[in-house]
Amino acid sequence: MRRPSTVRSKVTLLATLLVAVMLSVSAVGIVLTQQRVLSHGIDEALIQRADNIEADVVAGSFGARLPSEGDPEDTFLQVVAPDGTVLAASENAAELPPAVPALRAGQGQVTVTVSDVPLSNGEFRVLARPLGEGRPDTLVVAKNLDDVNESVGTLTTSLAVAVPLVVALLALLLWWLTGRVLRPVEAIRTEVASIKGDELDRRVPTSRSDDEISRLARTMNAMLDRVEQATDRQRRFVADASHELRGPLTRIRSSLEVAIEHPGVMNTDDLCRDLLADTVDLQKLVDDLLFLARAESGVFARPHDVVDLDDVVLEEARRLRERGCVRVDTSAVTAARTRGSGDDLARAVRNLASNAERHATGCVAFGLRESDGRCEVVVSDDGPGIAPEDRMVVFKRFTRLDEARSRDGGGAGLGLAIVHDIVTAHHGTVRILGVEPHGSRFVVDLPSVE
C-alpha cells in the first residue's frame, strides 16, 4: 500500500486509527464490565437462594424433592453425596446427574460456570457449598446464564455496529476539518509556486489573527522580502560591477586599437605602462569583487589567531610613507591585540589608509589604543571631510561621493564596503567622525584579547 503523502491524509489516518483503537479498547472494557456486573448479580442471587433453603434442607423438610423456583429451565437445586449420588433435587433436575462433583472434606463454597446441563443449551452458573450440621453432602444451586449472555451479546452487537460507524463519521469529519484548516496553507503554497523571478514584489495573503497559519504567512512574506532585497542587491551589484569593469577594459581596448591603427604615433613603453596600469586597476577591482562575493556567501575562513594590531597599523603606515604623497603621523599608535585574520585586518587598515591618502591635503594620522577590553584603530586625514548625512552611505558598495568622483584614481567605491564587512566579521564596528576644522576620522572598534 502506498503511504499517504499529504498532511491532510496523514492527520486523518492517524487520528482515525487512534480513535478506533481507543473506542475498541473502551468497547471491550464496557462488555467485560457488563458481563462481570451481571455475573456478580447472579452469584449474589445464588448465595441468597442457598442461604434461604440450606436450613430446611439440613432439617429434611423437603425430603428427596426440593422446591422449584421460577422457570424450570432457569434454576434447579441438588444435594449431592460425597460419592456423587444425587440425594435430593428439584423436580426439573430429578433425572439429572450432579451439576458439579461433590465437595471434598474441608472444601469451602465454590462458584463455577458449566455448559453441559441437559435442561438448556445455554450455560449455568452453579454454586456448591457444604451443608452444615456436620453433613458431608454438597448443596448445589444453579441458575441459567441466558439472560446474562443475551444482554452481553446485545451490547457487543451494538458496539460492533456503533464503533465502526462512529470511526467512519469521525474520519469524514476529520477529513473535512483538516481540509478547511489547511486551505490557507494550500493558498500560500499556490501563491508562492506561482511567483516568477520578475514578480518578487508579490506576497501571500495574510489575516489579522495570530494563529500558526497567519504567522506562517507573515514569515513567508518576510522571507520574500529578504529574497527580493537580496535579488535587488545582486542585480545592482552585477550592474555596478559591469559598469566599473567597462572602464579599464575600454581604456585597454582603445589603447590597443590606437596602437594597431597608428603604429608610429604611440610609444611602445608608454603603451605598456598604460596597459599595465589599467590591468592593475582591473585586477584590483576583480579582487575586491571576489572578496565581497566570498564575504557575503560566508565561505571564506575567518581565523581566530591573535593579531598584533600595532604591527598591522605600523606596516600600513610604512607603505603609505614610502609612497611619499602625504605626511604620515603614527605618534598615537600604542600596543593592542585582537583575535581574527591578520590578512583581512591588514586589508581593512590598508583600505582606510588609501582612502585617507586619496582625500588628504597634506597629512594622514594613525592611532591605536586599548581600553576596557576594546581596541580602537583610528585613521584620520585633513581633507574636505564627509557630511554627516553621507557617513553611513559611504560603506555601501560602489558608493562614491561627488568629490571623490571628480578626482583621479577615485576607485570603484568598494574599499570602505570591504572595511565594513571585515570589521563586522570580527565582531567590531566602524564609524566616521568629523575633525576640526576639516577632515575625517575613521574609528574601528574591535574586541581585544582577554
Protein backbone atom coordinates (compact mmCIF):
# COMPACT_ATOMS: atom_id res chain seq x y z
CA MET A 1 0.00 0.00 0.00
CA ARG A 2 1.18 3.48 -0.81
CA ARG A 3 1.73 5.70 2.19
CA PRO A 4 -0.38 8.87 2.47
CA SER A 5 1.51 11.80 1.02
CA THR A 6 -0.42 14.82 2.27
CA VAL A 7 -0.72 16.29 5.74
CA ARG A 8 -4.48 16.10 5.42
CA SER A 9 -4.48 12.36 4.74
CA LYS A 10 -1.81 11.70 7.38
CA VAL A 11 -3.67 13.60 10.10
CA THR A 12 -6.96 11.97 9.16
CA LEU A 13 -5.46 8.47 9.07
CA LEU A 14 -3.51 8.80 12.33
CA ALA A 15 -6.36 10.42 14.22
CA THR A 16 -8.85 7.85 12.91
CA LEU A 17 -6.60 4.96 13.87
CA LEU A 18 -6.02 6.42 17.32
CA VAL A 19 -9.74 6.94 17.94
CA ALA A 20 -10.54 3.49 16.53
CA VAL A 21 -8.09 1.86 18.93
CA MET A 22 -9.40 3.87 21.87
CA LEU A 23 -13.04 3.11 21.05
CA SER A 24 -12.26 -0.58 20.53
CA VAL A 25 -10.46 -0.83 23.86
CA SER A 26 -13.30 1.05 25.54
CA ALA A 27 -15.90 -1.22 23.93
CA VAL A 28 -14.09 -4.33 25.12
CA GLY A 29 -13.84 -2.83 28.59
CA ILE A 30 -17.56 -2.00 28.63
CA VAL A 31 -18.52 -5.51 27.54
CA LEU A 32 -16.26 -7.14 30.13
CA THR A 33 -17.53 -4.82 32.84
CA GLN A 34 -21.15 -5.52 31.93
CA GLN A 35 -20.50 -9.25 31.94
CA ARG A 36 -18.74 -9.05 35.30
CA VAL A 37 -21.53 -6.97 36.88
CA LEU A 38 -24.29 -9.27 35.65
CA SER A 39 -22.33 -12.36 36.70
CA HIS A 40 -21.80 -10.86 40.12
CA GLY A 41 -25.54 -10.29 40.39
CA ILE A 42 -26.20 -13.91 39.51
CA ASP A 43 -23.67 -15.03 42.15
CA GLU A 44 -25.37 -12.87 44.77
CA ALA A 45 -28.75 -14.35 43.85
CA LEU A 46 -27.34 -17.90 44.13
CA ILE A 47 -25.87 -17.16 47.54
CA GLN A 48 -29.19 -15.68 48.68
CA ARG A 49 -31.08 -18.75 47.38
CA ALA A 50 -28.66 -21.12 49.13
CA ASP A 51 -28.90 -19.18 52.39
CA ASN A 52 -32.70 -19.31 52.26
CA ILE A 53 -33.01 -23.04 51.66
CA GLU A 54 -29.98 -24.52 53.44
CA ALA A 55 -31.54 -24.82 56.88
CA ASP A 56 -34.66 -26.56 55.55
CA VAL A 57 -32.56 -28.98 53.52
CA VAL A 58 -30.46 -29.86 56.57
CA ALA A 59 -33.62 -30.34 58.63
CA GLY A 60 -35.01 -32.71 55.95
CA SER A 61 -38.11 -30.62 55.44
CA PHE A 62 -38.26 -31.37 51.70
CA GLY A 63 -37.12 -34.97 51.60
CA ALA A 64 -35.83 -36.03 48.18
CA ARG A 65 -37.87 -33.42 46.28
CA LEU A 66 -36.52 -29.91 46.68
CA PRO A 67 -38.78 -26.98 45.81
CA SER A 68 -38.57 -25.44 42.33
CA GLU A 69 -38.46 -21.70 41.70
CA GLY A 70 -39.24 -19.82 38.53
CA ASP A 71 -38.87 -21.22 35.02
CA PRO A 72 -37.95 -24.97 35.09
CA GLU A 73 -35.22 -24.27 32.54
CA ASP A 74 -33.88 -21.38 34.55
CA THR A 75 -32.92 -22.78 38.00
CA PHE A 76 -32.57 -26.06 39.83
CA LEU A 77 -31.35 -27.47 43.16
CA GLN A 78 -29.40 -30.61 44.05
CA VAL A 79 -27.96 -32.29 47.15
CA VAL A 80 -25.01 -34.45 46.18
CA ALA A 81 -23.47 -37.11 48.41
CA PRO A 82 -19.70 -37.47 48.68
CA ASP A 83 -19.81 -40.45 46.32
CA GLY A 84 -21.55 -38.40 43.60
CA THR A 85 -25.06 -39.68 44.23
CA VAL A 86 -27.83 -37.12 43.95
CA LEU A 87 -29.71 -37.44 47.27
CA ALA A 88 -32.31 -34.75 46.55
CA ALA A 89 -33.17 -32.42 43.67
CA SER A 90 -35.79 -30.03 42.44
CA GLU A 91 -38.43 -31.54 40.19
CA ASN A 92 -36.85 -30.31 36.95
CA ALA A 93 -33.48 -31.83 37.93
CA ALA A 94 -34.73 -35.19 39.26
CA GLU A 95 -33.18 -37.16 36.43
CA LEU A 96 -30.04 -35.05 36.04
CA PRO A 97 -26.56 -36.14 37.08
CA PRO A 98 -24.70 -33.93 39.54
CA ALA A 99 -24.06 -30.49 38.00
CA VAL A 100 -20.67 -30.43 39.76
CA PRO A 101 -18.73 -33.05 41.70
CA ALA A 102 -19.29 -33.21 45.46
CA LEU A 103 -17.01 -31.02 47.55
CA ARG A 104 -14.17 -32.67 49.40
CA ALA A 105 -13.99 -32.60 53.14
CA GLY A 106 -12.93 -29.20 54.37
CA GLN A 107 -13.50 -27.54 50.98
CA GLY A 108 -15.34 -24.23 51.05
CA GLN A 109 -18.01 -22.72 48.83
CA VAL A 110 -17.32 -22.87 45.08
CA THR A 111 -18.95 -20.99 42.20
CA VAL A 112 -18.38 -22.23 38.63
CA THR A 113 -19.90 -21.94 35.16
CA VAL A 114 -20.95 -25.17 33.41
CA SER A 115 -22.33 -25.70 29.93
CA ASP A 116 -23.33 -29.38 29.83
CA VAL A 117 -26.59 -29.22 31.79
CA PRO A 118 -29.34 -31.04 29.82
CA LEU A 119 -32.02 -28.56 30.92
CA SER A 120 -30.84 -25.93 28.43
CA ASN A 121 -28.37 -25.36 25.66
CA GLY A 122 -27.03 -22.37 27.48
CA GLU A 123 -24.61 -22.06 30.34
CA PHE A 124 -25.47 -22.31 34.03
CA ARG A 125 -23.90 -20.56 36.97
CA VAL A 126 -23.54 -23.15 39.72
CA LEU A 127 -22.95 -22.55 43.44
CA ALA A 128 -21.74 -25.52 45.51
CA ARG A 129 -21.38 -25.34 49.30
CA PRO A 130 -21.09 -27.95 52.03
CA LEU A 131 -24.24 -28.49 54.12
CA GLY A 132 -23.98 -27.57 57.74
CA GLU A 133 -24.67 -29.58 60.88
CA GLY A 134 -21.79 -31.96 60.16
CA ARG A 135 -23.32 -33.41 57.00
CA PRO A 136 -20.74 -34.29 54.30
CA ASP A 137 -23.21 -33.64 51.47
CA THR A 138 -22.99 -30.73 49.00
CA LEU A 139 -25.79 -28.26 48.26
CA VAL A 140 -25.90 -27.25 44.59
CA VAL A 141 -27.82 -24.17 43.45
CA ALA A 142 -27.78 -23.32 39.71
CA LYS A 143 -29.17 -20.55 37.56
CA ASN A 144 -29.29 -20.21 33.78
CA LEU A 145 -26.99 -17.52 32.25
CA ASP A 146 -29.11 -16.97 29.14
CA ASP A 147 -30.20 -13.51 30.33
CA VAL A 148 -26.62 -12.51 31.07
CA ASN A 149 -25.28 -13.85 27.78
CA GLU A 150 -28.13 -12.30 25.83
CA SER A 151 -27.57 -8.92 27.46
CA VAL A 152 -23.82 -9.09 26.84
CA GLY A 153 -24.38 -10.27 23.27
CA THR A 154 -26.78 -7.41 22.57
CA LEU A 155 -24.30 -4.93 23.97
CA THR A 156 -21.47 -6.48 21.94
CA THR A 157 -23.50 -6.35 18.72
CA SER A 158 -24.49 -2.75 19.36
CA LEU A 159 -20.92 -1.71 19.98
CA ALA A 160 -19.68 -3.70 16.97
CA VAL A 161 -22.02 -1.65 14.79
CA ALA A 162 -21.63 1.68 16.58
CA VAL A 163 -17.82 1.79 16.83
CA PRO A 164 -17.10 1.40 13.06
CA LEU A 165 -19.91 3.83 12.28
CA VAL A 166 -18.53 6.42 14.70
CA VAL A 167 -15.00 5.90 13.35
CA ALA A 168 -16.21 6.33 9.77
CA LEU A 169 -18.13 9.51 10.65
CA LEU A 170 -15.13 10.80 12.57
CA ALA A 171 -12.83 10.11 9.60
CA LEU A 172 -15.14 12.10 7.31
CA LEU A 173 -15.32 14.92 9.84
CA LEU A 174 -11.54 14.98 10.28
CA TRP A 175 -11.03 14.97 6.52
CA TRP A 176 -13.36 17.94 6.15
CA LEU A 177 -11.90 19.83 9.13
CA THR A 178 -8.26 19.33 8.15
CA GLY A 179 -9.06 20.38 4.60
CA ARG A 180 -10.72 23.53 5.89
CA VAL A 181 -7.87 24.28 8.32
CA LEU A 182 -5.15 23.64 5.72
CA ARG A 183 -6.90 25.57 2.96
CA PRO A 184 -4.96 28.79 3.79
CA VAL A 185 -1.70 26.78 3.71
CA GLU A 186 -2.57 25.49 0.25
CA ALA A 187 -3.36 29.06 -0.80
CA ILE A 188 0.06 30.15 0.46
CA ARG A 189 1.76 27.27 -1.38
CA THR A 190 -0.11 28.03 -4.61
CA GLU A 191 0.77 31.72 -4.42
CA VAL A 192 4.45 31.07 -3.73
CA ALA A 193 4.61 28.46 -6.52
CA SER A 194 3.21 30.98 -9.00
CA ILE A 195 5.71 33.74 -8.17
CA LYS A 196 8.20 34.14 -11.00
CA GLY A 197 11.64 35.70 -10.95
CA ASP A 198 10.32 39.06 -12.15
CA GLU A 199 7.38 39.06 -9.69
CA LEU A 200 9.21 39.11 -6.37
CA ASP A 201 7.03 42.02 -5.22
CA ARG A 202 4.06 39.66 -4.82
CA ARG A 203 3.12 38.46 -1.34
CA VAL A 204 0.97 35.69 0.13
CA PRO A 205 -2.40 36.56 1.72
CA THR A 206 -2.43 37.19 5.48
CA SER A 207 -5.11 37.63 8.13
CA ARG A 208 -5.37 39.65 11.31
CA SER A 209 -5.42 36.57 13.56
CA ASP A 210 -2.34 35.34 15.41
CA ASP A 211 -2.62 31.61 14.77
CA GLU A 212 0.08 29.39 13.30
CA ILE A 213 -1.08 29.82 9.71
CA SER A 214 -1.11 33.61 9.99
CA ARG A 215 2.39 33.54 11.47
CA LEU A 216 3.46 31.23 8.64
CA ALA A 217 2.08 33.69 6.08
CA ARG A 218 3.88 36.61 7.72
CA THR A 219 7.09 34.60 7.93
CA MET A 220 6.75 33.68 4.26
CA ASN A 221 6.25 37.33 3.34
CA ALA A 222 9.29 38.29 5.40
CA MET A 223 11.30 35.66 3.54
CA LEU A 224 10.03 37.01 0.21
CA ASP A 225 11.10 40.49 1.36
CA ARG A 226 14.61 39.18 2.02
CA VAL A 227 14.68 37.35 -1.31
CA GLU A 228 13.55 40.49 -3.13
CA GLN A 229 16.13 42.61 -1.33
CA ALA A 230 18.89 40.07 -1.99
CA THR A 231 17.90 39.84 -5.64
CA ASP A 232 17.87 43.62 -5.96
CA ARG A 233 21.29 43.81 -4.32
CA GLN A 234 22.59 41.14 -6.67
CA ARG A 235 21.21 42.94 -9.71
CA ARG A 236 22.68 46.25 -8.59
CA PHE A 237 25.94 44.51 -7.80
CA VAL A 238 26.13 42.94 -11.25
CA ALA A 239 25.17 46.21 -12.93
CA ASP A 240 27.67 48.27 -10.95
CA ALA A 241 30.42 45.67 -11.38
CA SER A 242 29.81 45.60 -15.13
CA HIS A 243 29.97 49.39 -15.24
CA GLU A 244 33.21 49.50 -13.27
CA LEU A 245 34.82 46.75 -15.32
CA ARG A 246 33.89 48.51 -18.53
CA GLY A 247 36.14 51.49 -17.75
CA PRO A 248 39.53 49.69 -17.60
CA LEU A 249 38.54 47.36 -20.43
CA THR A 250 37.52 50.30 -22.62
CA ARG A 251 40.81 52.08 -21.96
CA ILE A 252 42.81 48.93 -22.74
CA ARG A 253 40.87 48.38 -25.96
CA SER A 254 41.23 52.00 -27.02
CA SER A 255 44.98 51.96 -26.42
CA LEU A 256 45.39 48.74 -28.39
CA GLU A 257 43.23 49.99 -31.28
CA VAL A 258 45.24 53.23 -31.50
CA ALA A 259 48.47 51.26 -31.42
CA ILE A 260 47.27 48.99 -34.21
CA GLU A 261 45.84 51.74 -36.42
CA HIS A 262 48.73 54.16 -35.87
CA PRO A 263 51.86 52.14 -35.11
CA GLY A 264 54.21 55.06 -35.16
CA VAL A 265 52.17 57.51 -33.09
CA MET A 266 52.26 55.82 -29.63
CA ASN A 267 55.49 54.95 -27.90
CA THR A 268 55.70 51.26 -27.01
CA ASP A 269 56.97 51.93 -23.49
CA ASP A 270 54.15 54.39 -22.83
CA LEU A 271 51.63 51.91 -24.20
CA CYS A 272 52.93 49.15 -21.96
CA ARG A 273 52.87 51.39 -18.92
CA ASP A 274 49.28 52.48 -19.65
CA LEU A 275 48.18 48.93 -20.24
CA LEU A 276 49.92 47.77 -17.06
CA ALA A 277 48.24 50.49 -15.01
CA ASP A 278 44.81 49.63 -16.40
CA THR A 279 45.49 45.93 -15.84
CA VAL A 280 46.49 46.60 -12.23
CA ASP A 281 43.29 48.60 -11.70
CA LEU A 282 41.28 45.83 -13.32
CA GLN A 283 42.93 43.16 -11.18
CA LYS A 284 42.33 45.16 -8.02
CA LEU A 285 38.67 45.61 -8.93
CA VAL A 286 38.25 41.90 -9.62
CA ASP A 287 39.97 41.01 -6.33
CA ASP A 288 37.63 43.36 -4.45
CA LEU A 289 34.59 41.89 -6.17
CA LEU A 290 35.68 38.35 -5.37
CA PHE A 291 36.36 39.27 -1.75
CA LEU A 292 32.91 40.82 -1.35
CA ALA A 293 31.24 37.85 -3.03
CA ARG A 294 33.03 35.42 -0.73
CA ALA A 295 32.31 37.55 2.33
CA GLU A 296 28.60 37.71 1.50
CA SER A 297 28.34 33.96 0.93
CA GLY A 298 30.25 33.26 4.16
CA VAL A 299 32.54 30.69 2.55
CA PHE A 300 35.88 32.29 3.33
CA ALA A 301 37.54 31.34 6.60
CA ARG A 302 37.95 33.79 9.47
CA PRO A 303 40.85 32.54 11.62
CA HIS A 304 40.84 33.42 15.30
CA ASP A 305 44.57 33.94 15.71
CA VAL A 306 45.98 36.60 17.99
CA VAL A 307 46.78 39.65 15.83
CA ASP A 308 49.13 42.45 16.93
CA LEU A 309 47.24 45.46 15.64
CA ASP A 310 50.20 47.81 16.22
CA ASP A 311 52.27 45.75 13.77
CA VAL A 312 49.45 45.89 11.21
CA VAL A 313 48.95 49.66 11.58
CA LEU A 314 52.67 50.49 11.52
CA GLU A 315 53.20 48.32 8.41
CA GLU A 316 50.43 50.13 6.51
CA ALA A 317 51.79 53.47 7.70
CA ARG A 318 55.23 52.47 6.41
CA ARG A 319 53.80 51.67 2.97
CA LEU A 320 52.00 54.99 2.87
CA ARG A 321 55.13 56.84 3.94
CA GLU A 322 57.17 55.17 1.19
CA ARG A 323 54.72 56.43 -1.43
CA GLY A 324 55.63 59.97 -0.36
CA CYS A 325 52.30 61.55 -1.30
CA VAL A 326 51.36 62.72 2.21
CA ARG A 327 52.94 63.14 5.59
CA VAL A 328 52.26 60.20 7.94
CA ASP A 329 51.80 60.58 11.72
CA THR A 330 51.99 57.45 13.94
CA SER A 331 52.64 59.12 17.26
CA ALA A 332 49.29 57.94 18.70
CA VAL A 333 49.92 54.24 17.99
CA THR A 334 50.27 52.01 21.07
CA ALA A 335 50.29 48.25 21.54
CA ALA A 336 46.96 46.40 21.14
CA ARG A 337 45.92 42.87 20.21
CA THR A 338 42.74 41.24 18.93
CA ARG A 339 41.64 37.90 17.52
CA GLY A 340 40.89 37.27 13.86
CA SER A 341 42.52 37.12 10.46
CA GLY A 342 45.69 39.17 10.19
CA ASP A 343 45.43 39.39 6.39
CA ASP A 344 41.82 40.62 6.48
CA LEU A 345 42.52 43.18 9.19
CA ALA A 346 45.59 44.40 7.26
CA ARG A 347 43.38 44.78 4.19
CA ALA A 348 40.86 46.83 6.15
CA VAL A 349 43.57 49.17 7.50
CA ARG A 350 45.14 49.43 4.02
CA ASN A 351 41.78 50.44 2.52
CA LEU A 352 41.30 53.08 5.20
CA ALA A 353 44.84 54.35 4.61
CA SER A 354 44.33 54.50 0.83
CA ASN A 355 41.05 56.34 1.29
CA ALA A 356 42.68 58.83 3.68
CA GLU A 357 45.62 59.38 1.30
CA ARG A 358 43.24 59.99 -1.61
CA HIS A 359 41.37 62.74 0.24
CA ALA A 360 44.11 64.26 2.45
CA THR A 361 45.62 67.61 1.58
CA GLY A 362 48.85 67.01 3.42
CA CYS A 363 48.71 64.59 6.37
CA VAL A 364 47.33 61.18 7.36
CA ALA A 365 47.40 60.22 11.05
CA PHE A 366 47.16 56.75 12.57
CA GLY A 367 46.06 56.00 16.11
CA LEU A 368 45.71 52.81 18.16
CA ARG A 369 44.83 52.25 21.79
CA GLU A 370 43.40 49.50 24.00
CA SER A 371 40.98 50.16 26.85
CA ASP A 372 38.23 48.31 28.74
CA GLY A 373 38.52 45.16 26.63
CA ARG A 374 38.29 47.02 23.32
CA CYS A 375 40.81 48.06 20.67
CA GLU A 376 40.34 51.32 18.80
CA VAL A 377 42.03 51.89 15.44
CA VAL A 378 41.86 55.46 14.10
CA VAL A 379 42.79 56.69 10.61
CA SER A 380 42.44 60.45 10.08
CA ASP A 381 43.01 62.83 7.17
CA ASP A 382 42.94 66.60 6.77
CA GLY A 383 40.84 66.55 3.61
CA PRO A 384 37.47 68.16 2.99
CA GLY A 385 35.65 65.71 5.27
CA ILE A 386 32.39 63.80 4.84
CA ALA A 387 28.99 65.31 5.53
CA PRO A 388 27.10 63.70 8.44
CA GLU A 389 24.29 62.52 6.15
CA ASP A 390 26.84 60.66 3.96
CA ARG A 391 28.78 58.92 6.75
CA MET A 392 26.74 55.71 6.55
CA VAL A 393 26.26 55.78 2.79
CA VAL A 394 29.98 55.53 2.05
CA PHE A 395 30.10 51.98 3.46
CA LYS A 396 27.72 50.72 0.78
CA ARG A 397 29.15 49.09 -2.32
CA PHE A 398 30.02 51.22 -5.35
CA THR A 399 29.30 54.39 -3.39
CA ARG A 400 31.42 57.39 -4.34
CA LEU A 401 30.64 60.90 -3.28
CA ASP A 402 30.71 63.69 -5.85
CA GLU A 403 34.05 64.99 -4.67
CA ALA A 404 35.61 61.55 -4.94
CA ARG A 405 34.26 61.04 -8.45
CA SER A 406 35.96 64.14 -9.69
CA ARG A 407 39.42 63.10 -8.56
CA ASP A 408 41.79 60.88 -10.47
CA GLY A 409 42.09 57.39 -9.09
CA GLY A 410 38.87 57.76 -7.13
CA GLY A 411 38.44 53.98 -7.02
CA ALA A 412 35.37 51.86 -7.62
CA GLY A 413 33.70 52.57 -4.30
CA LEU A 414 34.41 49.13 -2.83
CA GLY A 415 37.19 49.86 -0.35
CA LEU A 416 35.03 51.10 2.52
CA ALA A 417 32.44 48.40 1.87
CA ILE A 418 35.19 45.81 2.32
CA VAL A 419 36.28 47.54 5.54
CA HIS A 420 32.74 47.35 6.88
CA ASP A 421 32.41 43.63 6.04
CA ILE A 422 35.78 42.74 7.59
CA VAL A 423 35.16 44.69 10.79
CA THR A 424 31.65 43.26 11.15
CA ALA A 425 33.00 39.72 10.66
CA HIS A 426 35.43 40.41 13.55
CA HIS A 427 32.55 41.48 15.85
CA GLY A 428 33.53 45.13 15.62
CA THR A 429 32.12 48.43 14.40
CA VAL A 430 33.37 51.22 12.17
CA ARG A 431 32.17 54.81 12.22
CA ILE A 432 33.16 58.19 10.84
CA LEU A 433 33.76 61.31 12.93
CA GLY A 434 34.45 64.86 11.84
CA VAL A 435 37.79 66.60 12.51
CA GLU A 436 38.11 70.29 13.35
CA PRO A 437 38.47 72.43 11.34
CA HIS A 438 38.09 69.91 8.50
CA GLY A 439 38.88 66.31 7.66
CA SER A 440 37.56 62.84 8.51
CA ARG A 441 38.35 60.33 11.21
CA PHE A 442 37.55 56.63 10.69
CA VAL A 443 37.28 54.77 14.02
CA VAL A 444 37.33 50.96 14.07
CA ASP A 445 36.33 49.32 17.35
CA LEU A 446 37.35 45.66 17.88
CA PRO A 447 37.33 43.30 20.88
CA SER A 448 40.74 42.92 22.47
CA VAL A 449 42.39 39.70 23.57
CA GLU A 450 41.40 38.85 27.13
